[in-house]
Amino acid sequence: MQHRRKPSLHHRHVGRHDGCDARSGGPASKATRVRFPVRTDTDATFRVLISPTPVVGPDRKNKNDNHANAGFTHEGDEVRAFLASQKNLYVVCGDRHWQYVSVDPKTGVREYACGPTSNKHAGGWKNEYRSPMHKYLNVQGGFLRVEVAQPDDKPQLSFRHYDVDGNIANEEVRQVD
């Protein structure tokens, strides 16, 4: 029997649940689990959810502490289904030691991981582990820049991964759906 680690406080504010057993069932439990800090009553062209942990992943098989892990498959599926129902919503993930862009094959939710700021802290994943979910993968330090622009009155959202020297390593420009 595998031990399930109780979610920490940082999971609660990103929609995990408030300490109740994730599998306890019942309407009250589900209502607690499906609280997300995403405005559904907005007419914003784009929405970016900044999550401290991955929602799409993939993550290493030996990990069991986030929505991208097998131990939280049910909760992760709920989170991704909800996020997919929100038009022009993208996820930016912080707690990764590599840069990536992943797309969930079931829902189409896109996740951009910023990676570490230094090459010294890059690791925990290998470029050879690239999966079909990855649209970009690089085990390196640097940063992620997200920019909203409106050239020719057409809103766009740009995601740019940079290396530690400030060179663009990957760029995606998203248009309005």
C-alpha atoms as a PDB file:
ATOM      1  CA  MET A   1       0.000   0.000   0.000  1.00  0.00           C
ATOM      2  CA  GLN A   2       1.416   3.325  -1.043  1.00  0.00           C
ATOM      3  CA  HIS A   3       1.500   6.169   1.478  1.00  0.00           C
ATOM      4  CA  ARG A   4      -0.329   9.291   0.297  1.00  0.00           C
ATOM      5  CA  ARG A   5       1.303  12.452   1.487  1.00  0.00           C
ATOM      6  CA  LYS A   6      -1.103  14.999   2.877  1.00  0.00           C
ATOM      7  CA  PRO A   7      -1.174  18.156   0.709  1.00  0.00           C
ATOM      8  CA  SER A   8       0.667  21.110   2.153  1.00  0.00           C
ATOM      9  CA  LEU A   9      -0.680  24.639   2.461  1.00  0.00           C
ATOM     10  CA  HIS A  10       0.640  25.687  -0.950  1.00  0.00           C
ATOM     11  CA  HIS A  11      -1.524  22.999  -2.564  1.00  0.00           C
ATOM     12  CA  ARG A  12      -4.654  24.343  -0.905  1.00  0.00           C
ATOM     13  CA  HIS A  13      -4.518  27.767  -2.492  1.00  0.00           C
ATOM     14  CA  VAL A  14      -4.118  26.289  -5.975  1.00  0.00           C
ATOM     15  CA  GLY A  15      -7.238  24.200  -5.727  1.00  0.00           C
ATOM     16  CA  ARG A  16      -6.138  20.952  -4.154  1.00  0.00           C
ATOM     17  CA  HIS A  17      -8.454  20.596  -1.174  1.00  0.00           C
ATOM     18  CA  ASP A  18      -8.441  21.874   2.348  1.00  0.00           C
ATOM     19  CA  GLY A  19      -6.842  18.949   4.119  1.00  0.00           C
ATOM     20  CA  CYS A  20      -9.699  16.486   3.762  1.00  0.00           C
ATOM     21  CA  ASP A  21      -8.884  13.118   2.253  1.00  0.00           C
ATOM     22  CA  ALA A  22      -8.951  13.635  -1.502  1.00  0.00           C
ATOM     23  CA  ARG A  23     -10.829  10.388  -1.997  1.00  0.00           C
ATOM     24  CA  SER A  24     -13.449  10.843   0.743  1.00  0.00           C
ATOM     25  CA  GLY A  25     -16.256  11.546  -1.721  1.00  0.00           C
ATOM     26  CA  GLY A  26     -19.537  13.308  -1.138  1.00  0.00           C
ATOM     27  CA  PRO A  27     -20.686  16.746  -2.280  1.00  0.00           C
ATOM     28  CA  ALA A  28     -18.982  18.681   0.519  1.00  0.00           C
ATOM     29  CA  SER A  29     -15.650  17.037  -0.198  1.00  0.00           C
ATOM     30  CA  LYS A  30     -15.934  17.611  -3.941  1.00  0.00           C
ATOM     31  CA  ALA A  31     -16.913  21.249  -3.408  1.00  0.00           C
ATOM     32  CA  THR A  32     -13.794  21.736  -1.292  1.00  0.00           C
ATOM     33  CA  ARG A  33     -11.543  20.046  -3.843  1.00  0.00           C
ATOM     34  CA  VAL A  34     -12.776  21.994  -6.821  1.00  0.00           C
ATOM     35  CA  ARG A  35     -11.978  25.495  -5.586  1.00  0.00           C
ATOM     36  CA  PHE A  36      -9.672  27.120  -8.085  1.00  0.00           C
ATOM     37  CA  PRO A  37      -8.262  30.636  -8.080  1.00  0.00           C
ATOM     38  CA  VAL A  38      -9.545  31.224 -11.595  1.00  0.00           C
ATOM     39  CA  ARG A  39     -12.016  33.977 -12.333  1.00  0.00           C
ATOM     40  CA  THR A  40     -14.895  32.575 -14.336  1.00  0.00           C
ATOM     41  CA  ASP A  41     -16.793  35.873 -14.335  1.00  0.00           C
ATOM     42  CA  THR A  42     -14.302  37.869 -16.382  1.00  0.00           C
ATOM     43  CA  ASP A  43     -14.185  39.004 -19.976  1.00  0.00           C
ATOM     44  CA  ALA A  44     -10.356  38.976 -20.008  1.00  0.00           C
ATOM     45  CA  THR A  45      -8.982  37.872 -23.358  1.00  0.00           C
ATOM     46  CA  PHE A  46      -6.329  35.652 -21.749  1.00  0.00           C
ATOM     47  CA  ARG A  47      -5.976  34.129 -18.307  1.00  0.00           C
ATOM     48  CA  VAL A  48      -2.771  32.741 -16.840  1.00  0.00           C
ATOM     49  CA  LEU A  49      -2.883  30.490 -13.793  1.00  0.00           C
ATOM     50  CA  ILE A  50       0.437  30.562 -11.937  1.00  0.00           C
ATOM     51  CA  SER A  51       0.830  27.306 -10.050  1.00  0.00           C
ATOM     52  CA  PRO A  52       3.681  26.395  -7.720  1.00  0.00           C
ATOM     53  CA  THR A  53       3.430  22.765  -8.835  1.00  0.00           C
ATOM     54  CA  PRO A  54       2.706  21.077 -12.180  1.00  0.00           C
ATOM     55  CA  VAL A  55      -0.852  20.516 -13.323  1.00  0.00           C
ATOM     56  CA  VAL A  56      -0.016  18.866 -16.658  1.00  0.00           C
ATOM     57  CA  GLY A  57       3.548  17.588 -16.230  1.00  0.00           C
ATOM     58  CA  PRO A  58       4.650  14.977 -16.930  1.00  0.00           C
ATOM     59  CA  ASP A  59       6.594  14.360 -13.757  1.00  0.00           C
ATOM     60  CA  ARG A  60       8.942  11.623 -12.590  1.00  0.00           C
ATOM     61  CA  LYS A  61       7.330   8.291 -11.728  1.00  0.00           C
ATOM     62  CA  ASN A  62       8.789   8.304  -8.207  1.00  0.00           C
ATOM     63  CA  LYS A  63       7.054  11.588  -7.319  1.00  0.00           C
ATOM     64  CA  ASN A  64       3.651  11.757  -5.650  1.00  0.00           C
ATOM     65  CA  ASP A  65       3.037  15.350  -4.614  1.00  0.00           C
ATOM     66  CA  ASN A  66       1.179  17.178  -7.388  1.00  0.00           C
ATOM     67  CA  HIS A  67      -1.655  17.040  -9.916  1.00  0.00           C
ATOM     68  CA  ALA A  68       0.613  15.548 -12.597  1.00  0.00           C
ATOM     69  CA  ASN A  69       1.394  12.416 -10.535  1.00  0.00           C
ATOM     70  CA  ALA A  70      -0.330   9.030 -10.635  1.00  0.00           C
ATOM     71  CA  GLY A  71      -1.202   9.297  -6.928  1.00  0.00           C
ATOM     72  CA  PHE A  72      -3.428  12.281  -7.697  1.00  0.00           C
ATOM     73  CA  THR A  73      -4.832  11.120 -11.046  1.00  0.00           C
ATOM     74  CA  HIS A  74      -8.479  11.706 -10.090  1.00  0.00           C
ATOM     75  CA  GLU A  75      -7.851  15.185  -8.698  1.00  0.00           C
ATOM     76  CA  GLY A  76      -5.547  16.091 -11.587  1.00  0.00           C
ATOM     77  CA  ASP A  77      -8.177  15.003 -14.108  1.00  0.00           C
ATOM     78  CA  GLU A  78     -10.747  17.234 -12.357  1.00  0.00           C
ATOM     79  CA  VAL A  79      -8.379  20.209 -12.316  1.00  0.00           C
ATOM     80  CA  ARG A  80      -7.423  19.826 -15.987  1.00  0.00           C
ATOM     81  CA  ALA A  81     -11.067  19.360 -17.066  1.00  0.00           C
ATOM     82  CA  PHE A  82     -12.024  22.558 -15.257  1.00  0.00           C
ATOM     83  CA  LEU A  83      -9.093  24.508 -16.686  1.00  0.00           C
ATOM     84  CA  ALA A  84      -9.884  23.244 -20.197  1.00  0.00           C
ATOM     85  CA  SER A  85     -13.415  24.610 -19.850  1.00  0.00           C
ATOM     86  CA  GLN A  86     -11.977  28.129 -19.456  1.00  0.00           C
ATOM     87  CA  LYS A  87     -11.346  29.854 -22.756  1.00  0.00           C
ATOM     88  CA  ASN A  88      -7.778  31.047 -23.472  1.00  0.00           C
ATOM     89  CA  LEU A  89      -6.400  29.889 -20.124  1.00  0.00           C
ATOM     90  CA  TYR A  90      -2.752  28.829 -19.758  1.00  0.00           C
ATOM     91  CA  VAL A  91      -0.820  27.412 -16.805  1.00  0.00           C
ATOM     92  CA  VAL A  92       2.614  28.620 -15.723  1.00  0.00           C
ATOM     93  CA  CYS A  93       4.384  26.258 -13.343  1.00  0.00           C
ATOM     94  CA  GLY A  94       7.190  27.230 -11.019  1.00  0.00           C
ATOM     95  CA  ASP A  95       8.503  24.184  -9.151  1.00  0.00           C
ATOM     96  CA  ARG A  96      10.426  22.429 -11.932  1.00  0.00           C
ATOM     97  CA  HIS A  97      14.160  22.168 -12.403  1.00  0.00           C
ATOM     98  CA  TRP A  98      13.834  22.114 -16.173  1.00  0.00           C
ATOM     99  CA  GLN A  99      12.027  24.249 -18.750  1.00  0.00           C
ATOM    100  CA  TYR A 100       9.156  22.835 -20.734  1.00  0.00           C
ATOM    101  CA  VAL A 101       5.901  23.372 -22.563  1.00  0.00           C
ATOM    102  CA  SER A 102       3.461  20.479 -22.254  1.00  0.00           C
ATOM    103  CA  VAL A 103      -0.026  19.879 -23.592  1.00  0.00           C
ATOM    104  CA  ASP A 104      -2.351  17.467 -21.835  1.00  0.00           C
ATOM    105  CA  PRO A 105      -3.480  14.935 -24.476  1.00  0.00           C
ATOM    106  CA  LYS A 106      -6.996  14.563 -23.001  1.00  0.00           C
ATOM    107  CA  THR A 107      -7.912  18.211 -22.402  1.00  0.00           C
ATOM    108  CA  GLY A 108      -5.473  20.316 -24.396  1.00  0.00           C
ATOM    109  CA  VAL A 109      -4.443  22.337 -21.317  1.00  0.00           C
ATOM    110  CA  ARG A 110      -1.041  23.975 -21.965  1.00  0.00           C
ATOM    111  CA  GLU A 111       1.540  24.308 -19.217  1.00  0.00           C
ATOM    112  CA  TYR A 112       4.741  26.373 -19.333  1.00  0.00           C
ATOM    113  CA  ALA A 113       7.414  25.577 -16.737  1.00  0.00           C
ATOM    114  CA  CYS A 114       9.921  28.350 -16.084  1.00  0.00           C
ATOM    115  CA  GLY A 115      12.739  26.116 -14.828  1.00  0.00           C
ATOM    116  CA  PRO A 116      15.489  27.183 -12.412  1.00  0.00           C
ATOM    117  CA  THR A 117      17.327  30.482 -12.725  1.00  0.00           C
ATOM    118  CA  SER A 118      20.753  28.810 -12.835  1.00  0.00           C
ATOM    119  CA  ASN A 119      22.239  25.880 -14.717  1.00  0.00           C
ATOM    120  CA  LYS A 120      23.617  24.645 -11.389  1.00  0.00           C
ATOM    121  CA  HIS A 121      20.067  23.870 -10.240  1.00  0.00           C
ATOM    122  CA  ALA A 122      18.873  22.332 -13.512  1.00  0.00           C
ATOM    123  CA  GLY A 123      18.243  18.602 -13.223  1.00  0.00           C
ATOM    124  CA  GLY A 124      15.814  15.909 -12.159  1.00  0.00           C
ATOM    125  CA  TRP A 125      14.830  15.287 -15.771  1.00  0.00           C
ATOM    126  CA  LYS A 126      16.697  14.480 -18.973  1.00  0.00           C
ATOM    127  CA  ASN A 127      16.121  15.749 -22.481  1.00  0.00           C
ATOM    128  CA  GLU A 128      15.957  12.067 -23.565  1.00  0.00           C
ATOM    129  CA  TYR A 129      12.781  11.704 -21.463  1.00  0.00           C
ATOM    130  CA  ARG A 130      10.888  13.874 -23.932  1.00  0.00           C
ATOM    131  CA  SER A 131       7.330  12.613 -24.345  1.00  0.00           C
ATOM    132  CA  PRO A 132       4.639  13.364 -26.937  1.00  0.00           C
ATOM    133  CA  MET A 133       3.169  15.830 -24.391  1.00  0.00           C
ATOM    134  CA  HIS A 134       6.281  18.002 -24.631  1.00  0.00           C
ATOM    135  CA  LYS A 135       6.217  20.761 -27.205  1.00  0.00           C
ATOM    136  CA  TYR A 136       9.473  22.087 -25.749  1.00  0.00           C
ATOM    137  CA  LEU A 137      11.873  20.544 -23.238  1.00  0.00           C
ATOM    138  CA  ASN A 138      15.248  21.745 -22.055  1.00  0.00           C
ATOM    139  CA  VAL A 139      17.095  20.892 -18.843  1.00  0.00           C
ATOM    140  CA  GLN A 140      18.732  24.268 -18.294  1.00  0.00           C
ATOM    141  CA  GLY A 141      18.553  27.374 -16.179  1.00  0.00           C
ATOM    142  CA  GLY A 142      17.062  30.663 -17.296  1.00  0.00           C
ATOM    143  CA  PHE A 143      13.635  32.216 -17.021  1.00  0.00           C
ATOM    144  CA  LEU A 144      10.219  32.456 -18.655  1.00  0.00           C
ATOM    145  CA  ARG A 145       8.816  35.752 -19.907  1.00  0.00           C
ATOM    146  CA  VAL A 146       5.076  36.087 -20.552  1.00  0.00           C
ATOM    147  CA  GLU A 147       3.931  39.116 -22.512  1.00  0.00           C
ATOM    148  CA  VAL A 148       0.545  40.329 -23.728  1.00  0.00           C
ATOM    149  CA  ALA A 149       0.512  42.423 -26.900  1.00  0.00           C
ATOM    150  CA  GLN A 150      -2.010  43.588 -29.461  1.00  0.00           C
ATOM    151  CA  PRO A 151      -0.340  44.011 -32.854  1.00  0.00           C
ATOM    152  CA  ASP A 152      -2.835  45.069 -35.537  1.00  0.00           C
ATOM    153  CA  ASP A 153      -5.594  45.027 -32.883  1.00  0.00           C
ATOM    154  CA  LYS A 154      -5.245  41.224 -32.538  1.00  0.00           C
ATOM    155  CA  PRO A 155      -4.532  40.175 -28.933  1.00  0.00           C
ATOM    156  CA  GLN A 156      -1.700  37.716 -28.461  1.00  0.00           C
ATOM    157  CA  LEU A 157       0.081  36.123 -25.541  1.00  0.00           C
ATOM    158  CA  SER A 158       3.785  35.307 -25.904  1.00  0.00           C
ATOM    159  CA  PHE A 159       5.700  32.781 -23.830  1.00  0.00           C
ATOM    160  CA  ARG A 160       9.488  32.968 -24.152  1.00  0.00           C
ATOM    161  CA  HIS A 161      11.953  30.682 -22.406  1.00  0.00           C
ATOM    162  CA  TYR A 162      15.413  32.194 -22.032  1.00  0.00           C
ATOM    163  CA  ASP A 163      18.721  30.607 -21.081  1.00  0.00           C
ATOM    164  CA  VAL A 164      20.923  31.992 -18.294  1.00  0.00           C
ATOM    165  CA  ASP A 165      22.636  34.367 -20.734  1.00  0.00           C
ATOM    166  CA  GLY A 166      19.341  35.946 -21.835  1.00  0.00           C
ATOM    167  CA  ASN A 167      19.100  34.179 -25.220  1.00  0.00           C
ATOM    168  CA  ILE A 168      15.675  33.002 -26.360  1.00  0.00           C
ATOM    169  CA  ALA A 169      15.569  29.201 -26.178  1.00  0.00           C
ATOM    170  CA  ASN A 170      11.894  28.753 -27.095  1.00  0.00           C
ATOM    171  CA  GLU A 171       9.029  31.015 -28.105  1.00  0.00           C
ATOM    172  CA  GLU A 172       5.303  30.403 -28.499  1.00  0.00           C
ATOM    173  CA  VAL A 173       2.781  33.043 -29.460  1.00  0.00           C
ATOM    174  CA  ARG A 174      -0.841  32.196 -28.680  1.00  0.00           C
ATOM    175  CA  GLN A 175      -3.713  33.862 -30.486  1.00  0.00           C
ATOM    176  CA  VAL A 176      -7.317  34.185 -29.317  1.00  0.00           C
ATOM    177  CA  ASP A 177      -9.300  30.963 -29.787  1.00  0.00           C
END
